[in-house]
Amino acid sequence: MSDNGTLSEKQVRAVIVLMESKDVRSAAIQAGISERTLFRWLADDGFRSAMKEAEQEAIAQVVRRLSSLCALALDTLKATMQSKGASASVKVRAADVVLSKVLTFKELKDFDERLTALERGTPQVFDYAAIDRIIAKGGEGEKQKTN
Protein backbone atom coordinates (compact mmCIF):
# COMPACT_ATOMS: atom_id res chain seq x y z
CA MET A 1 0.00 0.00 0.00
CA SER A 2 1.11 3.53 -0.57
CA ASP A 3 1.71 5.90 2.32
CA ASN A 4 -1.74 7.47 1.94
CA GLY A 5 -3.49 4.13 2.57
CA THR A 6 -4.67 3.49 -0.98
CA LEU A 7 -3.62 0.71 -3.29
CA SER A 8 -1.10 1.34 -6.05
CA GLU A 9 -2.09 0.63 -9.65
CA LYS A 10 -0.13 -2.65 -9.51
CA GLN A 11 -1.94 -3.65 -6.32
CA VAL A 12 -5.32 -2.88 -7.88
CA ARG A 13 -4.31 -5.00 -10.87
CA ALA A 14 -3.20 -7.78 -8.50
CA VAL A 15 -6.60 -7.77 -6.77
CA ILE A 16 -8.37 -8.08 -10.11
CA VAL A 17 -6.05 -10.83 -11.31
CA LEU A 18 -6.32 -12.74 -8.00
CA MET A 19 -10.10 -12.80 -8.42
CA GLU A 20 -9.70 -14.53 -11.78
CA SER A 21 -6.67 -16.77 -11.18
CA LYS A 22 -6.46 -20.33 -9.99
CA ASP A 23 -3.54 -19.64 -7.63
CA VAL A 24 -1.19 -16.96 -6.32
CA ARG A 25 1.65 -17.94 -8.64
CA SER A 26 -0.51 -17.51 -11.75
CA ALA A 27 -1.87 -14.22 -10.42
CA ALA A 28 1.63 -12.87 -9.80
CA ILE A 29 2.70 -13.73 -13.33
CA GLN A 30 -0.40 -12.12 -14.81
CA ALA A 31 0.01 -9.02 -12.63
CA GLY A 32 3.66 -8.68 -13.63
CA ILE A 33 5.01 -8.94 -10.09
CA SER A 34 6.97 -11.53 -8.15
CA GLU A 35 5.18 -14.19 -6.20
CA ARG A 36 7.03 -12.99 -3.08
CA THR A 37 5.66 -9.45 -3.57
CA LEU A 38 2.14 -10.76 -3.93
CA PHE A 39 2.44 -12.84 -0.76
CA ARG A 40 3.77 -9.75 1.04
CA TRP A 41 0.78 -7.75 -0.18
CA LEU A 42 -1.56 -10.54 0.91
CA ALA A 43 -0.19 -10.12 4.44
CA ASP A 44 -1.07 -6.40 4.38
CA ASP A 45 -4.36 -5.45 6.09
CA GLY A 46 -5.26 -2.84 3.47
CA PHE A 47 -4.65 -5.22 0.58
CA ARG A 48 -6.62 -7.99 2.30
CA SER A 49 -9.42 -5.51 2.90
CA ALA A 50 -9.46 -4.65 -0.81
CA MET A 51 -9.53 -8.38 -1.65
CA LYS A 52 -12.43 -8.93 0.72
CA GLU A 53 -14.31 -6.02 -0.82
CA ALA A 54 -13.70 -7.39 -4.33
CA GLU A 55 -14.89 -10.85 -3.25
CA GLN A 56 -18.03 -9.39 -1.67
CA GLU A 57 -18.81 -7.44 -4.85
CA ALA A 58 -18.29 -10.57 -6.97
CA ILE A 59 -20.73 -12.46 -4.75
CA ALA A 60 -23.21 -9.57 -4.91
CA GLN A 61 -23.04 -9.69 -8.72
CA VAL A 62 -23.75 -13.42 -8.69
CA VAL A 63 -26.72 -12.90 -6.37
CA ARG A 64 -28.10 -10.16 -8.63
CA ARG A 65 -27.76 -12.36 -11.72
CA LEU A 66 -29.36 -15.34 -9.98
CA SER A 67 -32.16 -13.13 -8.68
CA SER A 68 -32.96 -12.07 -12.22
CA LEU A 69 -33.61 -15.74 -13.08
CA CYS A 70 -35.98 -16.43 -10.18
CA ALA A 71 -39.18 -15.45 -11.96
CA LEU A 72 -38.31 -17.64 -14.95
CA ALA A 73 -37.41 -20.56 -12.67
CA LEU A 74 -40.69 -20.23 -10.78
CA ASP A 75 -42.65 -19.97 -14.03
CA THR A 76 -40.92 -23.14 -15.25
CA LEU A 77 -41.77 -25.02 -12.06
CA LYS A 78 -45.37 -23.79 -12.22
CA ALA A 79 -45.71 -24.79 -15.88
CA THR A 80 -44.29 -28.23 -15.10
CA MET A 81 -46.65 -28.74 -12.18
CA GLN A 82 -49.63 -27.69 -14.35
CA SER A 83 -48.58 -29.54 -17.51
CA LYS A 84 -50.96 -32.23 -18.71
CA GLY A 85 -48.04 -33.94 -20.47
CA ALA A 86 -45.75 -34.14 -17.44
CA SER A 87 -45.67 -37.40 -15.52
CA ALA A 88 -46.81 -37.53 -11.93
CA SER A 89 -43.25 -38.08 -10.74
CA VAL A 90 -42.05 -34.94 -12.57
CA LYS A 91 -44.89 -32.91 -11.06
CA VAL A 92 -44.15 -34.25 -7.59
CA ARG A 93 -40.46 -33.40 -8.02
CA ALA A 94 -41.35 -29.84 -9.11
CA ALA A 95 -43.66 -29.47 -6.10
CA ASP A 96 -40.95 -30.83 -3.81
CA VAL A 97 -38.46 -28.29 -5.17
CA VAL A 98 -40.89 -25.45 -4.49
CA LEU A 99 -41.69 -26.59 -0.96
CA SER A 100 -38.10 -27.29 0.01
CA LYS A 101 -36.94 -23.92 -1.31
CA VAL A 102 -39.71 -22.10 0.53
CA LEU A 103 -38.67 -23.81 3.75
CA THR A 104 -34.99 -23.09 3.13
CA PHE A 105 -35.78 -19.44 2.41
CA LYS A 106 -37.91 -19.23 5.56
CA GLU A 107 -35.12 -20.78 7.66
CA LEU A 108 -32.55 -18.35 6.26
CA LYS A 109 -34.88 -15.41 6.84
CA ASP A 110 -35.52 -16.54 10.43
CA PHE A 111 -31.80 -17.06 11.01
CA ASP A 112 -31.05 -13.58 9.70
CA GLU A 113 -33.72 -12.07 11.95
CA ARG A 114 -32.39 -13.96 14.99
CA LEU A 115 -28.82 -12.96 14.24
CA THR A 116 -29.82 -9.33 13.79
CA ALA A 117 -31.74 -9.43 17.06
CA LEU A 118 -28.76 -10.96 18.86
CA GLU A 119 -26.43 -8.34 17.43
CA ARG A 120 -28.77 -5.59 18.61
CA GLY A 121 -29.38 -7.30 21.95
CA THR A 122 -33.15 -7.22 21.44
CA PRO A 123 -35.70 -9.93 22.29
CA GLN A 124 -36.68 -12.33 19.52
CA VAL A 125 -40.21 -13.20 18.35
CA PHE A 126 -40.78 -16.23 16.14
CA ASP A 127 -43.87 -17.23 14.21
CA TYR A 128 -43.87 -20.96 14.93
CA ALA A 129 -47.52 -21.20 13.89
CA ALA A 130 -46.52 -20.16 10.36
CA ILE A 131 -43.79 -22.80 10.32
CA ASP A 132 -46.31 -25.42 11.47
CA ARG A 133 -48.71 -24.39 8.67
CA ILE A 134 -45.96 -24.76 6.06
CA ILE A 135 -45.00 -28.19 7.39
CA ALA A 136 -48.64 -29.28 7.56
CA LYS A 137 -49.06 -28.40 3.89
CA GLY A 138 -46.41 -30.93 2.91
CA GLY A 139 -43.09 -29.22 3.61
CA GLU A 140 -40.22 -31.09 5.18
CA GLY A 141 -38.07 -30.21 8.15
CA GLU A 142 -38.36 -29.86 11.85
CA LYS A 143 -39.68 -26.97 13.83
CA GLN A 144 -37.09 -25.39 16.09
CA LYS A 145 -37.48 -25.98 19.79
CA THR A 146 -38.39 -23.05 21.97
CA ASN A 147 -36.72 -22.39 25.29
C-alpha atoms as a PDB file:
ATOM      1  CA  MET A   1       0.000   0.000   0.000  1.00  0.00           C
ATOM      2  CA  SER A   2       1.114   3.532  -0.571  1.00  0.00           C
ATOM      3  CA  ASP A   3       1.712   5.896   2.323  1.00  0.00           C
ATOM      4  CA  ASN A   4      -1.741   7.468   1.943  1.00  0.00           C
ATOM      5  CA  GLY A   5      -3.488   4.133   2.574  1.00  0.00           C
ATOM      6  CA  THR A   6      -4.667   3.495  -0.978  1.00  0.00           C
ATOM      7  CA  LEU A   7      -3.616   0.710  -3.294  1.00  0.00           C
ATOM      8  CA  SER A   8      -1.100   1.342  -6.045  1.00  0.00           C
ATOM      9  CA  GLU A   9      -2.086   0.633  -9.649  1.00  0.00           C
ATOM     10  CA  LYS A  10      -0.134  -2.646  -9.509  1.00  0.00           C
ATOM     11  CA  GLN A  11      -1.937  -3.651  -6.322  1.00  0.00           C
ATOM     12  CA  VAL A  12      -5.319  -2.882  -7.877  1.00  0.00           C
ATOM     13  CA  ARG A  13      -4.308  -5.003 -10.875  1.00  0.00           C
ATOM     14  CA  ALA A  14      -3.200  -7.781  -8.504  1.00  0.00           C
ATOM     15  CA  VAL A  15      -6.597  -7.767  -6.765  1.00  0.00           C
ATOM     16  CA  ILE A  16      -8.369  -8.078 -10.106  1.00  0.00           C
ATOM     17  CA  VAL A  17      -6.054 -10.832 -11.306  1.00  0.00           C
ATOM     18  CA  LEU A  18      -6.323 -12.736  -7.998  1.00  0.00           C
ATOM     19  CA  MET A  19     -10.104 -12.802  -8.419  1.00  0.00           C
ATOM     20  CA  GLU A  20      -9.700 -14.533 -11.784  1.00  0.00           C
ATOM     21  CA  SER A  21      -6.666 -16.766 -11.179  1.00  0.00           C
ATOM     22  CA  LYS A  22      -6.461 -20.332  -9.986  1.00  0.00           C
ATOM     23  CA  ASP A  23      -3.545 -19.645  -7.630  1.00  0.00           C
ATOM     24  CA  VAL A  24      -1.186 -16.961  -6.318  1.00  0.00           C
ATOM     25  CA  ARG A  25       1.649 -17.938  -8.645  1.00  0.00           C
ATOM     26  CA  SER A  26      -0.506 -17.512 -11.749  1.00  0.00           C
ATOM     27  CA  ALA A  27      -1.873 -14.224 -10.417  1.00  0.00           C
ATOM     28  CA  ALA A  28       1.629 -12.872  -9.795  1.00  0.00           C
ATOM     29  CA  ILE A  29       2.704 -13.733 -13.331  1.00  0.00           C
ATOM     30  CA  GLN A  30      -0.398 -12.115 -14.808  1.00  0.00           C
ATOM     31  CA  ALA A  31       0.015  -9.020 -12.626  1.00  0.00           C
ATOM     32  CA  GLY A  32       3.655  -8.677 -13.627  1.00  0.00           C
ATOM     33  CA  ILE A  33       5.014  -8.941 -10.089  1.00  0.00           C
ATOM     34  CA  SER A  34       6.967 -11.528  -8.152  1.00  0.00           C
ATOM     35  CA  GLU A  35       5.182 -14.194  -6.202  1.00  0.00           C
ATOM     36  CA  ARG A  36       7.027 -12.991  -3.077  1.00  0.00           C
ATOM     37  CA  THR A  37       5.663  -9.453  -3.572  1.00  0.00           C
ATOM     38  CA  LEU A  38       2.137 -10.763  -3.929  1.00  0.00           C
ATOM     39  CA  PHE A  39       2.443 -12.839  -0.762  1.00  0.00           C
ATOM     40  CA  ARG A  40       3.772  -9.750   1.043  1.00  0.00           C
ATOM     41  CA  TRP A  41       0.777  -7.748  -0.183  1.00  0.00           C
ATOM     42  CA  LEU A  42      -1.565 -10.536   0.909  1.00  0.00           C
ATOM     43  CA  ALA A  43      -0.187 -10.120   4.440  1.00  0.00           C
ATOM     44  CA  ASP A  44      -1.067  -6.399   4.384  1.00  0.00           C
ATOM     45  CA  ASP A  45      -4.363  -5.451   6.091  1.00  0.00           C
ATOM     46  CA  GLY A  46      -5.263  -2.837   3.471  1.00  0.00           C
ATOM     47  CA  PHE A  47      -4.650  -5.219   0.582  1.00  0.00           C
ATOM     48  CA  ARG A  48      -6.622  -7.989   2.302  1.00  0.00           C
ATOM     49  CA  SER A  49      -9.424  -5.510   2.904  1.00  0.00           C
ATOM     50  CA  ALA A  50      -9.465  -4.652  -0.810  1.00  0.00           C
ATOM     51  CA  MET A  51      -9.530  -8.375  -1.650  1.00  0.00           C
ATOM     52  CA  LYS A  52     -12.430  -8.934   0.719  1.00  0.00           C
ATOM     53  CA  GLU A  53     -14.313  -6.015  -0.815  1.00  0.00           C
ATOM     54  CA  ALA A  54     -13.696  -7.394  -4.329  1.00  0.00           C
ATOM     55  CA  GLU A  55     -14.888 -10.849  -3.253  1.00  0.00           C
ATOM     56  CA  GLN A  56     -18.032  -9.385  -1.672  1.00  0.00           C
ATOM     57  CA  GLU A  57     -18.807  -7.438  -4.853  1.00  0.00           C
ATOM     58  CA  ALA A  58     -18.285 -10.566  -6.971  1.00  0.00           C
ATOM     59  CA  ILE A  59     -20.730 -12.463  -4.746  1.00  0.00           C
ATOM     60  CA  ALA A  60     -23.211  -9.572  -4.911  1.00  0.00           C
ATOM     61  CA  GLN A  61     -23.042  -9.685  -8.715  1.00  0.00           C
ATOM     62  CA  VAL A  62     -23.749 -13.422  -8.695  1.00  0.00           C
ATOM     63  CA  VAL A  63     -26.716 -12.905  -6.375  1.00  0.00           C
ATOM     64  CA  ARG A  64     -28.103 -10.157  -8.627  1.00  0.00           C
ATOM     65  CA  ARG A  65     -27.764 -12.364 -11.723  1.00  0.00           C
ATOM     66  CA  LEU A  66     -29.361 -15.344  -9.984  1.00  0.00           C
ATOM     67  CA  SER A  67     -32.161 -13.127  -8.682  1.00  0.00           C
ATOM     68  CA  SER A  68     -32.960 -12.067 -12.222  1.00  0.00           C
ATOM     69  CA  LEU A  69     -33.608 -15.736 -13.084  1.00  0.00           C
ATOM     70  CA  CYS A  70     -35.975 -16.430 -10.184  1.00  0.00           C
ATOM     71  CA  ALA A  71     -39.181 -15.447 -11.959  1.00  0.00           C
ATOM     72  CA  LEU A  72     -38.307 -17.638 -14.953  1.00  0.00           C
ATOM     73  CA  ALA A  73     -37.413 -20.559 -12.674  1.00  0.00           C
ATOM     74  CA  LEU A  74     -40.694 -20.229 -10.776  1.00  0.00           C
ATOM     75  CA  ASP A  75     -42.652 -19.972 -14.029  1.00  0.00           C
ATOM     76  CA  THR A  76     -40.916 -23.138 -15.250  1.00  0.00           C
ATOM     77  CA  LEU A  77     -41.772 -25.017 -12.065  1.00  0.00           C
ATOM     78  CA  LYS A  78     -45.367 -23.794 -12.216  1.00  0.00           C
ATOM     79  CA  ALA A  79     -45.714 -24.786 -15.879  1.00  0.00           C
ATOM     80  CA  THR A  80     -44.292 -28.233 -15.103  1.00  0.00           C
ATOM     81  CA  MET A  81     -46.654 -28.740 -12.184  1.00  0.00           C
ATOM     82  CA  GLN A  82     -49.631 -27.695 -14.349  1.00  0.00           C
ATOM     83  CA  SER A  83     -48.575 -29.544 -17.508  1.00  0.00           C
ATOM     84  CA  LYS A  84     -50.957 -32.227 -18.709  1.00  0.00           C
ATOM     85  CA  GLY A  85     -48.041 -33.944 -20.465  1.00  0.00           C
ATOM     86  CA  ALA A  86     -45.755 -34.144 -17.441  1.00  0.00           C
ATOM     87  CA  SER A  87     -45.668 -37.397 -15.520  1.00  0.00           C
ATOM     88  CA  ALA A  88     -46.809 -37.533 -11.934  1.00  0.00           C
ATOM     89  CA  SER A  89     -43.249 -38.077 -10.737  1.00  0.00           C
ATOM     90  CA  VAL A  90     -42.054 -34.942 -12.569  1.00  0.00           C
ATOM     91  CA  LYS A  91     -44.887 -32.910 -11.063  1.00  0.00           C
ATOM     92  CA  VAL A  92     -44.147 -34.250  -7.585  1.00  0.00           C
ATOM     93  CA  ARG A  93     -40.461 -33.401  -8.017  1.00  0.00           C
ATOM     94  CA  ALA A  94     -41.354 -29.840  -9.108  1.00  0.00           C
ATOM     95  CA  ALA A  95     -43.664 -29.469  -6.100  1.00  0.00           C
ATOM     96  CA  ASP A  96     -40.949 -30.826  -3.809  1.00  0.00           C
ATOM     97  CA  VAL A  97     -38.461 -28.287  -5.171  1.00  0.00           C
ATOM     98  CA  VAL A  98     -40.888 -25.448  -4.489  1.00  0.00           C
ATOM     99  CA  LEU A  99     -41.694 -26.592  -0.962  1.00  0.00           C
ATOM    100  CA  SER A 100     -38.099 -27.288   0.015  1.00  0.00           C
ATOM    101  CA  LYS A 101     -36.937 -23.921  -1.315  1.00  0.00           C
ATOM    102  CA  VAL A 102     -39.706 -22.104   0.534  1.00  0.00           C
ATOM    103  CA  LEU A 103     -38.666 -23.808   3.754  1.00  0.00           C
ATOM    104  CA  THR A 104     -34.990 -23.088   3.131  1.00  0.00           C
ATOM    105  CA  PHE A 105     -35.776 -19.442   2.412  1.00  0.00           C
ATOM    106  CA  LYS A 106     -37.910 -19.233   5.561  1.00  0.00           C
ATOM    107  CA  GLU A 107     -35.124 -20.783   7.655  1.00  0.00           C
ATOM    108  CA  LEU A 108     -32.555 -18.346   6.260  1.00  0.00           C
ATOM    109  CA  LYS A 109     -34.879 -15.414   6.841  1.00  0.00           C
ATOM    110  CA  ASP A 110     -35.521 -16.543  10.428  1.00  0.00           C
ATOM    111  CA  PHE A 111     -31.797 -17.060  11.011  1.00  0.00           C
ATOM    112  CA  ASP A 112     -31.046 -13.581   9.698  1.00  0.00           C
ATOM    113  CA  GLU A 113     -33.716 -12.069  11.952  1.00  0.00           C
ATOM    114  CA  ARG A 114     -32.389 -13.957  14.987  1.00  0.00           C
ATOM    115  CA  LEU A 115     -28.816 -12.957  14.244  1.00  0.00           C
ATOM    116  CA  THR A 116     -29.817  -9.329  13.789  1.00  0.00           C
ATOM    117  CA  ALA A 117     -31.738  -9.430  17.062  1.00  0.00           C
ATOM    118  CA  LEU A 118     -28.758 -10.959  18.865  1.00  0.00           C
ATOM    119  CA  GLU A 119     -26.433  -8.340  17.429  1.00  0.00           C
ATOM    120  CA  ARG A 120     -28.771  -5.588  18.612  1.00  0.00           C
ATOM    121  CA  GLY A 121     -29.385  -7.295  21.948  1.00  0.00           C
ATOM    122  CA  THR A 122     -33.151  -7.218  21.436  1.00  0.00           C
ATOM    123  CA  PRO A 123     -35.697  -9.929  22.292  1.00  0.00           C
ATOM    124  CA  GLN A 124     -36.685 -12.327  19.519  1.00  0.00           C
ATOM    125  CA  VAL A 125     -40.206 -13.196  18.351  1.00  0.00           C
ATOM    126  CA  PHE A 126     -40.782 -16.228  16.137  1.00  0.00           C
ATOM    127  CA  ASP A 127     -43.874 -17.231  14.210  1.00  0.00           C
ATOM    128  CA  TYR A 128     -43.869 -20.960  14.927  1.00  0.00           C
ATOM    129  CA  ALA A 129     -47.525 -21.203  13.891  1.00  0.00           C
ATOM    130  CA  ALA A 130     -46.515 -20.160  10.362  1.00  0.00           C
ATOM    131  CA  ILE A 131     -43.788 -22.805  10.318  1.00  0.00           C
ATOM    132  CA  ASP A 132     -46.314 -25.423  11.475  1.00  0.00           C
ATOM    133  CA  ARG A 133     -48.707 -24.394   8.674  1.00  0.00           C
ATOM    134  CA  ILE A 134     -45.957 -24.762   6.061  1.00  0.00           C
ATOM    135  CA  ILE A 135     -45.005 -28.188   7.385  1.00  0.00           C
ATOM    136  CA  ALA A 136     -48.640 -29.280   7.560  1.00  0.00           C
ATOM    137  CA  LYS A 137     -49.059 -28.397   3.887  1.00  0.00           C
ATOM    138  CA  GLY A 138     -46.408 -30.926   2.914  1.00  0.00           C
ATOM    139  CA  GLY A 139     -43.094 -29.223   3.608  1.00  0.00           C
ATOM    140  CA  GLU A 140     -40.223 -31.094   5.185  1.00  0.00           C
ATOM    141  CA  GLY A 141     -38.066 -30.207   8.149  1.00  0.00           C
ATOM    142  CA  GLU A 142     -38.361 -29.861  11.853  1.00  0.00           C
ATOM    143  CA  LYS A 143     -39.683 -26.974  13.832  1.00  0.00           C
ATOM    144  CA  GLN A 144     -37.092 -25.386  16.088  1.00  0.00           C
ATOM    145  CA  LYS A 145     -37.479 -25.985  19.791  1.00  0.00           C
ATOM    146  CA  THR A 146     -38.388 -23.051  21.969  1.00  0.00           C
ATOM    147  CA  ASN A 147     -36.724 -22.387  25.292  1.00  0.00           C
END
